[in-house]
Full PDB file with SEQRES, HELIX, SHEET, SSBOND, CRYST1, ORIGX, SCALE, CONECT and MASTER records, all heavy atoms in Angstrom:
SEQRES   1 A   32  LYS GLY TYR TYR TYR LEU LEU ARG ALA ALA SER ALA ILE          
SEQRES   2 A   32  VAL ARG GLU ARG LYS ASP VAL TYR PHE VAL LEU VAL GLY          
SEQRES   3 A   32  ASP GLY PRO GLU MET ASN                                      
HELIX    1 AA1 TYR A    3  GLU A   16  1                                  14    
CRYST1    1.000    1.000    1.000  90.00  90.00  90.00 P 1           1          
ORIGX1      1.000000  0.000000  0.000000        0.00000                         
ORIGX2      0.000000  1.000000  0.000000        0.00000                         
ORIGX3      0.000000  0.000000  1.000000        0.00000                         
SCALE1      1.000000  0.000000  0.000000        0.00000                         
SCALE2      0.000000  1.000000  0.000000        0.00000                         
SCALE3      0.000000  0.000000  1.000000        0.00000                         
ATOM      1  N   LYS A   1      -5.162 -16.610 -24.805  1.00  0.00           N  
ATOM      2  CA  LYS A   1      -5.011 -15.513 -23.842  1.00  0.00           C  
ATOM      3  C   LYS A   1      -4.360 -14.259 -24.427  1.00  0.00           C  
ATOM      4  O   LYS A   1      -4.308 -13.224 -23.759  1.00  0.00           O  
ATOM      5  CB  LYS A   1      -4.225 -15.998 -22.623  1.00  0.00           C  
ATOM      6  CG  LYS A   1      -4.897 -17.127 -21.867  1.00  0.00           C  
ATOM      7  CD  LYS A   1      -6.273 -16.715 -21.332  1.00  0.00           C  
ATOM      8  CE  LYS A   1      -6.927 -17.840 -20.536  1.00  0.00           C  
ATOM      9  NZ  LYS A   1      -8.241 -17.440 -20.001  1.00  0.00           N  
ATOM     10  N   GLY A   2      -3.831 -14.332 -25.640  1.00  0.00           N  
ATOM     11  CA  GLY A   2      -3.351 -13.137 -26.310  1.00  0.00           C  
ATOM     12  C   GLY A   2      -2.105 -12.505 -25.725  1.00  0.00           C  
ATOM     13  O   GLY A   2      -1.879 -11.294 -25.909  1.00  0.00           O  
ATOM     14  N   TYR A   3      -1.247 -13.291 -25.086  1.00  0.00           N  
ATOM     15  CA  TYR A   3      -0.082 -12.698 -24.425  1.00  0.00           C  
ATOM     16  C   TYR A   3       0.976 -12.198 -25.416  1.00  0.00           C  
ATOM     17  O   TYR A   3       1.758 -11.301 -25.091  1.00  0.00           O  
ATOM     18  CB  TYR A   3       0.531 -13.696 -23.438  1.00  0.00           C  
ATOM     19  CG  TYR A   3      -0.256 -13.774 -22.157  1.00  0.00           C  
ATOM     20  CD1 TYR A   3      -0.756 -14.995 -21.701  1.00  0.00           C  
ATOM     21  CD2 TYR A   3      -0.510 -12.639 -21.419  1.00  0.00           C  
ATOM     22  CE1 TYR A   3      -1.500 -15.069 -20.537  1.00  0.00           C  
ATOM     23  CE2 TYR A   3      -1.256 -12.703 -20.250  1.00  0.00           C  
ATOM     24  CZ  TYR A   3      -1.751 -13.915 -19.810  1.00  0.00           C  
ATOM     25  OH  TYR A   3      -2.484 -13.978 -18.657  1.00  0.00           O  
ATOM     26  N   TYR A   4       0.988 -12.746 -26.610  1.00  0.00           N  
ATOM     27  CA  TYR A   4       1.920 -12.243 -27.613  1.00  0.00           C  
ATOM     28  C   TYR A   4       1.628 -10.767 -27.895  1.00  0.00           C  
ATOM     29  O   TYR A   4       2.551  -9.957 -28.045  1.00  0.00           O  
ATOM     30  CB  TYR A   4       1.807 -13.061 -28.900  1.00  0.00           C  
ATOM     31  CG  TYR A   4       2.605 -12.491 -30.054  1.00  0.00           C  
ATOM     32  CD1 TYR A   4       3.994 -12.553 -30.064  1.00  0.00           C  
ATOM     33  CD2 TYR A   4       1.964 -11.865 -31.123  1.00  0.00           C  
ATOM     34  CE1 TYR A   4       4.732 -12.019 -31.119  1.00  0.00           C  
ATOM     35  CE2 TYR A   4       2.686 -11.328 -32.179  1.00  0.00           C  
ATOM     36  CZ  TYR A   4       4.070 -11.407 -32.170  1.00  0.00           C  
ATOM     37  OH  TYR A   4       4.784 -10.871 -33.199  1.00  0.00           O  
ATOM     38  N   TYR A   5       0.349 -10.404 -27.941  1.00  0.00           N  
ATOM     39  CA  TYR A   5      -0.029  -9.011 -28.197  1.00  0.00           C  
ATOM     40  C   TYR A   5       0.295  -8.127 -27.000  1.00  0.00           C  
ATOM     41  O   TYR A   5       0.640  -6.954 -27.157  1.00  0.00           O  
ATOM     42  CB  TYR A   5      -1.518  -8.933 -28.551  1.00  0.00           C  
ATOM     43  CG  TYR A   5      -1.847  -9.770 -29.761  1.00  0.00           C  
ATOM     44  CD1 TYR A   5      -2.377 -11.054 -29.612  1.00  0.00           C  
ATOM     45  CD2 TYR A   5      -1.591  -9.303 -31.048  1.00  0.00           C  
ATOM     46  CE1 TYR A   5      -2.653 -11.840 -30.719  1.00  0.00           C  
ATOM     47  CE2 TYR A   5      -1.866 -10.085 -32.168  1.00  0.00           C  
ATOM     48  CZ  TYR A   5      -2.395 -11.351 -31.989  1.00  0.00           C  
ATOM     49  OH  TYR A   5      -2.649 -12.129 -33.089  1.00  0.00           O  
ATOM     50  N   LEU A   6       0.207  -8.693 -25.795  1.00  0.00           N  
ATOM     51  CA  LEU A   6       0.596  -7.928 -24.608  1.00  0.00           C  
ATOM     52  C   LEU A   6       2.093  -7.635 -24.616  1.00  0.00           C  
ATOM     53  O   LEU A   6       2.517  -6.533 -24.247  1.00  0.00           O  
ATOM     54  CB  LEU A   6       0.210  -8.685 -23.331  1.00  0.00           C  
ATOM     55  CG  LEU A   6       0.576  -7.992 -22.008  1.00  0.00           C  
ATOM     56  CD1 LEU A   6      -0.035  -6.595 -21.923  1.00  0.00           C  
ATOM     57  CD2 LEU A   6       0.145  -8.841 -20.814  1.00  0.00           C  
ATOM     58  N   LEU A   7       2.898  -8.595 -25.060  1.00  0.00           N  
ATOM     59  CA  LEU A   7       4.337  -8.352 -25.142  1.00  0.00           C  
ATOM     60  C   LEU A   7       4.646  -7.244 -26.144  1.00  0.00           C  
ATOM     61  O   LEU A   7       5.512  -6.388 -25.898  1.00  0.00           O  
ATOM     62  CB  LEU A   7       5.075  -9.635 -25.531  1.00  0.00           C  
ATOM     63  CG  LEU A   7       5.144 -10.745 -24.481  1.00  0.00           C  
ATOM     64  CD1 LEU A   7       5.932 -11.931 -25.022  1.00  0.00           C  
ATOM     65  CD2 LEU A   7       5.766 -10.243 -23.181  1.00  0.00           C  
ATOM     66  N   ARG A   8       3.955  -7.233 -27.248  1.00  0.00           N  
ATOM     67  CA  ARG A   8       4.162  -6.164 -28.225  1.00  0.00           C  
ATOM     68  C   ARG A   8       3.757  -4.812 -27.643  1.00  0.00           C  
ATOM     69  O   ARG A   8       4.426  -3.796 -27.874  1.00  0.00           O  
ATOM     70  CB  ARG A   8       3.371  -6.462 -29.505  1.00  0.00           C  
ATOM     71  CG  ARG A   8       3.944  -7.636 -30.304  1.00  0.00           C  
ATOM     72  CD  ARG A   8       3.086  -7.988 -31.487  1.00  0.00           C  
ATOM     73  NE  ARG A   8       2.966  -6.874 -32.441  1.00  0.00           N  
ATOM     74  CZ  ARG A   8       2.157  -6.900 -33.503  1.00  0.00           C  
ATOM     75  NH1 ARG A   8       1.420  -7.982 -33.743  1.00  0.00           N  
ATOM     76  NH2 ARG A   8       2.095  -5.865 -34.316  1.00  0.00           N  
ATOM     77  N   ALA A   9       2.673  -4.802 -26.884  1.00  0.00           N  
ATOM     78  CA  ALA A   9       2.259  -3.563 -26.212  1.00  0.00           C  
ATOM     79  C   ALA A   9       3.293  -3.149 -25.175  1.00  0.00           C  
ATOM     80  O   ALA A   9       3.623  -1.958 -25.043  1.00  0.00           O  
ATOM     81  CB  ALA A   9       0.891  -3.759 -25.555  1.00  0.00           C  
ATOM     82  N   ALA A  10       3.829  -4.129 -24.431  1.00  0.00           N  
ATOM     83  CA  ALA A  10       4.835  -3.838 -23.411  1.00  0.00           C  
ATOM     84  C   ALA A  10       6.075  -3.209 -24.024  1.00  0.00           C  
ATOM     85  O   ALA A  10       6.684  -2.299 -23.448  1.00  0.00           O  
ATOM     86  CB  ALA A  10       5.194  -5.121 -22.660  1.00  0.00           C  
ATOM     87  N   SER A  11       6.448  -3.688 -25.198  1.00  0.00           N  
ATOM     88  CA  SER A  11       7.619  -3.147 -25.870  1.00  0.00           C  
ATOM     89  C   SER A  11       7.454  -1.657 -26.152  1.00  0.00           C  
ATOM     90  O   SER A  11       8.382  -0.856 -25.955  1.00  0.00           O  
ATOM     91  CB  SER A  11       7.860  -3.912 -27.182  1.00  0.00           C  
ATOM     92  OG  SER A  11       8.999  -3.419 -27.858  1.00  0.00           O  
ATOM     93  N   ALA A  12       6.243  -1.276 -26.591  1.00  0.00           N  
ATOM     94  CA  ALA A  12       5.976   0.137 -26.857  1.00  0.00           C  
ATOM     95  C   ALA A  12       5.920   0.942 -25.557  1.00  0.00           C  
ATOM     96  O   ALA A  12       6.396   2.083 -25.502  1.00  0.00           O  
ATOM     97  CB  ALA A  12       4.658   0.280 -27.621  1.00  0.00           C  
ATOM     98  N   ILE A  13       5.371   0.338 -24.518  1.00  0.00           N  
ATOM     99  CA  ILE A  13       5.200   1.052 -23.244  1.00  0.00           C  
ATOM    100  C   ILE A  13       6.535   1.374 -22.599  1.00  0.00           C  
ATOM    101  O   ILE A  13       6.781   2.501 -22.146  1.00  0.00           O  
ATOM    102  CB  ILE A  13       4.308   0.216 -22.298  1.00  0.00           C  
ATOM    103  CG1 ILE A  13       2.868   0.218 -22.807  1.00  0.00           C  
ATOM    104  CG2 ILE A  13       4.373   0.766 -20.863  1.00  0.00           C  
ATOM    105  CD1 ILE A  13       1.976  -0.797 -22.142  1.00  0.00           C  
ATOM    106  N   VAL A  14       7.440   0.399 -22.547  1.00  0.00           N  
ATOM    107  CA  VAL A  14       8.706   0.628 -21.835  1.00  0.00           C  
ATOM    108  C   VAL A  14       9.620   1.577 -22.596  1.00  0.00           C  
ATOM    109  O   VAL A  14      10.574   2.120 -22.015  1.00  0.00           O  
ATOM    110  CB  VAL A  14       9.429  -0.703 -21.530  1.00  0.00           C  
ATOM    111  CG1 VAL A  14       8.579  -1.593 -20.647  1.00  0.00           C  
ATOM    112  CG2 VAL A  14       9.815  -1.435 -22.813  1.00  0.00           C  
ATOM    113  N   ARG A  15       9.339   1.786 -23.860  1.00  0.00           N  
ATOM    114  CA  ARG A  15      10.107   2.816 -24.582  1.00  0.00           C  
ATOM    115  C   ARG A  15       9.762   4.210 -24.059  1.00  0.00           C  
ATOM    116  O   ARG A  15      10.596   5.115 -24.088  1.00  0.00           O  
ATOM    117  CB  ARG A  15       9.826   2.725 -26.088  1.00  0.00           C  
ATOM    118  CG  ARG A  15      10.545   1.582 -26.786  1.00  0.00           C  
ATOM    119  CD  ARG A  15      10.593   1.779 -28.289  1.00  0.00           C  
ATOM    120  NE  ARG A  15       9.270   1.748 -28.900  1.00  0.00           N  
ATOM    121  CZ  ARG A  15       8.703   0.646 -29.383  1.00  0.00           C  
ATOM    122  NH1 ARG A  15       9.343  -0.519 -29.314  1.00  0.00           N  
ATOM    123  NH2 ARG A  15       7.502   0.691 -29.938  1.00  0.00           N  
ATOM    124  N   GLU A  16       8.519   4.350 -23.556  1.00  0.00           N  
ATOM    125  CA  GLU A  16       8.087   5.636 -23.010  1.00  0.00           C  
ATOM    126  C   GLU A  16       8.244   5.712 -21.500  1.00  0.00           C  
ATOM    127  O   GLU A  16       8.538   6.791 -20.965  1.00  0.00           O  
ATOM    128  CB  GLU A  16       6.623   5.898 -23.376  1.00  0.00           C  
ATOM    129  CG  GLU A  16       6.365   6.124 -24.850  1.00  0.00           C  
ATOM    130  CD  GLU A  16       4.954   6.624 -25.113  1.00  0.00           C  
ATOM    131  OE1 GLU A  16       4.404   7.327 -24.234  1.00  0.00           O  
ATOM    132  OE2 GLU A  16       4.403   6.303 -26.178  1.00  0.00           O  
ATOM    133  N   ARG A  17       8.013   4.595 -20.833  1.00  0.00           N  
ATOM    134  CA  ARG A  17       8.032   4.578 -19.367  1.00  0.00           C  
ATOM    135  C   ARG A  17       8.905   3.424 -18.864  1.00  0.00           C  
ATOM    136  O   ARG A  17       8.485   2.268 -18.868  1.00  0.00           O  
ATOM    137  CB  ARG A  17       6.607   4.436 -18.816  1.00  0.00           C  
ATOM    138  CG  ARG A  17       5.696   5.613 -19.112  1.00  0.00           C  
ATOM    139  CD  ARG A  17       6.055   6.836 -18.283  1.00  0.00           C  
ATOM    140  NE  ARG A  17       5.977   6.586 -16.859  1.00  0.00           N  
ATOM    141  CZ  ARG A  17       5.022   7.074 -16.060  1.00  0.00           C  
ATOM    142  NH1 ARG A  17       4.056   7.833 -16.562  1.00  0.00           N  
ATOM    143  NH2 ARG A  17       5.047   6.837 -14.759  1.00  0.00           N  
ATOM    144  N   LYS A  18      10.102   3.786 -18.415  1.00  0.00           N  
ATOM    145  CA  LYS A  18      11.018   2.770 -17.899  1.00  0.00           C  
ATOM    146  C   LYS A  18      10.613   2.280 -16.511  1.00  0.00           C  
ATOM    147  O   LYS A  18      11.203   1.327 -15.993  1.00  0.00           O  
ATOM    148  CB  LYS A  18      12.443   3.330 -17.838  1.00  0.00           C  
ATOM    149  CG  LYS A  18      13.008   3.780 -19.189  1.00  0.00           C  
ATOM    150  CD  LYS A  18      13.115   2.618 -20.157  1.00  0.00           C  
ATOM    151  CE  LYS A  18      13.779   3.065 -21.464  1.00  0.00           C  
ATOM    152  NZ  LYS A  18      13.799   1.986 -22.472  1.00  0.00           N  
ATOM    153  N   ASP A  19       9.606   2.920 -15.908  1.00  0.00           N  
ATOM    154  CA  ASP A  19       9.193   2.552 -14.557  1.00  0.00           C  
ATOM    155  C   ASP A  19       8.008   1.585 -14.551  1.00  0.00           C  
ATOM    156  O   ASP A  19       7.392   1.361 -13.515  1.00  0.00           O  
ATOM    157  CB  ASP A  19       8.827   3.804 -13.751  1.00  0.00           C  
ATOM    158  CG  ASP A  19       7.696   4.603 -14.393  1.00  0.00           C  
ATOM    159  OD1 ASP A  19       7.459   4.436 -15.599  1.00  0.00           O  
ATOM    160  OD2 ASP A  19       7.061   5.399 -13.673  1.00  0.00           O  
ATOM    161  N   VAL A  20       7.670   0.993 -15.706  1.00  0.00           N  
ATOM    162  CA  VAL A  20       6.559   0.048 -15.791  1.00  0.00           C  
ATOM    163  C   VAL A  20       7.104  -1.372 -15.942  1.00  0.00           C  
ATOM    164  O   VAL A  20       7.976  -1.634 -16.776  1.00  0.00           O  
ATOM    165  CB  VAL A  20       5.629   0.386 -16.978  1.00  0.00           C  
ATOM    166  CG1 VAL A  20       4.507  -0.650 -17.090  1.00  0.00           C  
ATOM    167  CG2 VAL A  20       5.042   1.782 -16.810  1.00  0.00           C  
ATOM    168  N   TYR A  21       6.566  -2.281 -15.128  1.00  0.00           N  
ATOM    169  CA  TYR A  21       7.003  -3.679 -15.131  1.00  0.00           C  
ATOM    170  C   TYR A  21       5.781  -4.584 -15.318  1.00  0.00           C  
ATOM    171  O   TYR A  21       4.697  -4.303 -14.796  1.00  0.00           O  
ATOM    172  CB  TYR A  21       7.718  -4.021 -13.820  1.00  0.00           C  
ATOM    173  CG  TYR A  21       8.985  -3.229 -13.629  1.00  0.00           C  
ATOM    174  CD1 TYR A  21       8.945  -1.927 -13.122  1.00  0.00           C  
ATOM    175  CD2 TYR A  21      10.224  -3.762 -13.978  1.00  0.00           C  
ATOM    176  CE1 TYR A  21      10.109  -1.182 -12.965  1.00  0.00           C  
ATOM    177  CE2 TYR A  21      11.398  -3.014 -13.820  1.00  0.00           C  
ATOM    178  CZ  TYR A  21      11.325  -1.732 -13.316  1.00  0.00           C  
ATOM    179  OH  TYR A  21      12.481  -0.998 -13.173  1.00  0.00           O  
ATOM    180  N   PHE A  22       5.982  -5.674 -16.029  1.00  0.00           N  
ATOM    181  CA  PHE A  22       4.896  -6.607 -16.334  1.00  0.00           C  
ATOM    182  C   PHE A  22       5.140  -7.929 -15.620  1.00  0.00           C  
ATOM    183  O   PHE A  22       6.229  -8.509 -15.722  1.00  0.00           O  
ATOM    184  CB  PHE A  22       4.794  -6.826 -17.845  1.00  0.00           C  
ATOM    185  CG  PHE A  22       4.393  -5.588 -18.596  1.00  0.00           C  
ATOM    186  CD1 PHE A  22       5.337  -4.613 -18.915  1.00  0.00           C  
ATOM    187  CD2 PHE A  22       3.079  -5.381 -18.961  1.00  0.00           C  
ATOM    188  CE1 PHE A  22       4.966  -3.459 -19.591  1.00  0.00           C  
ATOM    189  CE2 PHE A  22       2.694  -4.232 -19.641  1.00  0.00           C  
ATOM    190  CZ  PHE A  22       3.644  -3.263 -19.948  1.00  0.00           C  
ATOM    191  N   VAL A  23       4.108  -8.402 -14.903  1.00  0.00           N  
ATOM    192  CA  VAL A  23       4.191  -9.671 -14.182  1.00  0.00           C  
ATOM    193  C   VAL A  23       3.128 -10.600 -14.753  1.00  0.00           C  
ATOM    194  O   VAL A  23       1.922 -10.314 -14.668  1.00  0.00           O  
ATOM    195  CB  VAL A  23       3.971  -9.467 -12.671  1.00  0.00           C  
ATOM    196  CG1 VAL A  23       3.936 -10.824 -11.954  1.00  0.00           C  
ATOM    197  CG2 VAL A  23       5.070  -8.589 -12.080  1.00  0.00           C  
ATOM    198  N   LEU A  24       3.579 -11.700 -15.370  1.00  0.00           N  
ATOM    199  CA  LEU A  24       2.675 -12.663 -15.992  1.00  0.00           C  
ATOM    200  C   LEU A  24       2.697 -13.959 -15.192  1.00  0.00           C  
ATOM    201  O   LEU A  24       3.757 -14.573 -15.023  1.00  0.00           O  
ATOM    202  CB  LEU A  24       3.088 -12.924 -17.437  1.00  0.00           C  
ATOM    203  CG  LEU A  24       3.263 -11.688 -18.333  1.00  0.00           C  
ATOM    204  CD1 LEU A  24       3.572 -12.114 -19.764  1.00  0.00           C  
ATOM    205  CD2 LEU A  24       2.033 -10.808 -18.289  1.00  0.00           C  
ATOM    206  N   VAL A  25       1.527 -14.363 -14.713  1.00  0.00           N  
ATOM    207  CA  VAL A  25       1.412 -15.543 -13.858  1.00  0.00           C  
ATOM    208  C   VAL A  25       0.645 -16.627 -14.603  1.00  0.00           C  
ATOM    209  O   VAL A  25      -0.473 -16.397 -15.068  1.00  0.00           O  
ATOM    210  CB  VAL A  25       0.693 -15.207 -12.538  1.00  0.00           C  
ATOM    211  CG1 VAL A  25       0.703 -16.420 -11.604  1.00  0.00           C  
ATOM    212  CG2 VAL A  25       1.348 -14.005 -11.858  1.00  0.00           C  
ATOM    213  N   GLY A  26       1.232 -17.799 -14.724  1.00  0.00           N  
ATOM    214  CA  GLY A  26       0.574 -18.905 -15.392  1.00  0.00           C  
ATOM    215  C   GLY A  26       1.571 -19.739 -16.178  1.00  0.00           C  
ATOM    216  O   GLY A  26       2.729 -19.350 -16.348  1.00  0.00           O  
ATOM    217  N   ASP A  27       1.109 -20.876 -16.650  1.00  0.00           N  
ATOM    218  CA  ASP A  27       1.944 -21.771 -17.435  1.00  0.00           C  
ATOM    219  C   ASP A  27       1.108 -22.305 -18.588  1.00  0.00           C  
ATOM    220  O   ASP A  27      -0.108 -22.117 -18.621  1.00  0.00           O  
ATOM    221  CB  ASP A  27       2.453 -22.924 -16.563  1.00  0.00           C  
ATOM    222  CG  ASP A  27       3.703 -23.583 -17.135  1.00  0.00           C  
ATOM    223  OD1 ASP A  27       4.052 -23.265 -18.291  1.00  0.00           O  
ATOM    224  OD2 ASP A  27       4.313 -24.411 -16.442  1.00  0.00           O  
ATOM    225  N   GLY A  28       1.739 -22.959 -19.525  1.00  0.00           N  
ATOM    226  CA  GLY A  28       0.991 -23.495 -20.651  1.00  0.00           C  
ATOM    227  C   GLY A  28       1.886 -23.772 -21.837  1.00  0.00           C  
ATOM    228  O   GLY A  28       3.110 -23.578 -21.779  1.00  0.00           O  
ATOM    229  N   PRO A  29       1.292 -24.201 -22.947  1.00  0.00           N  
ATOM    230  CA  PRO A  29       2.078 -24.666 -24.099  1.00  0.00           C  
ATOM    231  C   PRO A  29       2.923 -23.579 -24.760  1.00  0.00           C  
ATOM    232  O   PRO A  29       3.888 -23.907 -25.460  1.00  0.00           O  
ATOM    233  CB  PRO A  29       1.014 -25.205 -25.062  1.00  0.00           C  
ATOM    234  CG  PRO A  29      -0.255 -24.537 -24.652  1.00  0.00           C  
ATOM    235  CD  PRO A  29      -0.154 -24.364 -23.175  1.00  0.00           C  
ATOM    236  N   GLU A  30       2.600 -22.299 -24.570  1.00  0.00           N  
ATOM    237  CA  GLU A  30       3.353 -21.226 -25.217  1.00  0.00           C  
ATOM    238  C   GLU A  30       4.330 -20.531 -24.278  1.00  0.00           C  
ATOM    239  O   GLU A  30       4.896 -19.501 -24.632  1.00  0.00           O  
ATOM    240  CB  GLU A  30       2.391 -20.199 -25.832  1.00  0.00           C  
ATOM    241  CG  GLU A  30       1.575 -20.733 -26.986  1.00  0.00           C  
ATOM    242  CD  GLU A  30       0.842 -19.653 -27.759  1.00  0.00           C  
ATOM    243  OE1 GLU A  30       0.904 -18.478 -27.346  1.00  0.00           O  
ATOM    244  OE2 GLU A  30       0.219 -19.986 -28.782  1.00  0.00           O  
ATOM    245  N   MET A  31       4.538 -21.093 -23.093  1.00  0.00           N  
ATOM    246  CA  MET A  31       5.391 -20.454 -22.092  1.00  0.00           C  
ATOM    247  C   MET A  31       6.802 -20.182 -22.638  1.00  0.00           C  
ATOM    248  O   MET A  31       7.290 -19.045 -22.599  1.00  0.00           O  
ATOM    249  CB  MET A  31       5.474 -21.340 -20.847  1.00  0.00           C  
ATOM    250  CG  MET A  31       6.330 -20.766 -19.732  1.00  0.00           C  
ATOM    251  SD  MET A  31       5.569 -19.320 -18.966  1.00  0.00           S  
ATOM    252  CE  MET A  31       6.360 -19.349 -17.357  1.00  0.00           C  
ATOM    253  N   ASN A  32       7.461 -21.206 -23.145  1.00  0.00           N  
ATOM    254  CA  ASN A  32       8.835 -21.030 -23.627  1.00  0.00           C  
ATOM    255  C   ASN A  32       8.897 -20.058 -24.796  1.00  0.00           C  
ATOM    256  O   ASN A  32       9.798 -19.215 -24.875  1.00  0.00           O  
ATOM    257  CB  ASN A  32       9.432 -22.381 -24.029  1.00  0.00           C  
ATOM    258  CG  ASN A  32       9.662 -23.300 -22.839  1.00  0.00           C  
ATOM    259  OD1 ASN A  32       9.797 -22.833 -21.704  1.00  0.00           O  
ATOM    260  ND2 ASN A  32       9.699 -24.591 -23.086  1.00  0.00           N  
TER     261      ASN A  32                                                      
MASTER        0    0    0    1    0    0    0    6  260    1    0    3          
END                                                                             
């Protein structure tokens, strides 16, 4: 599902926009 890359993108986004929030729904082997 590529969520590691989404987290890296989120890191760049919140540096520019503090008003953006990410909601990830689901579970699986990489959750922790």
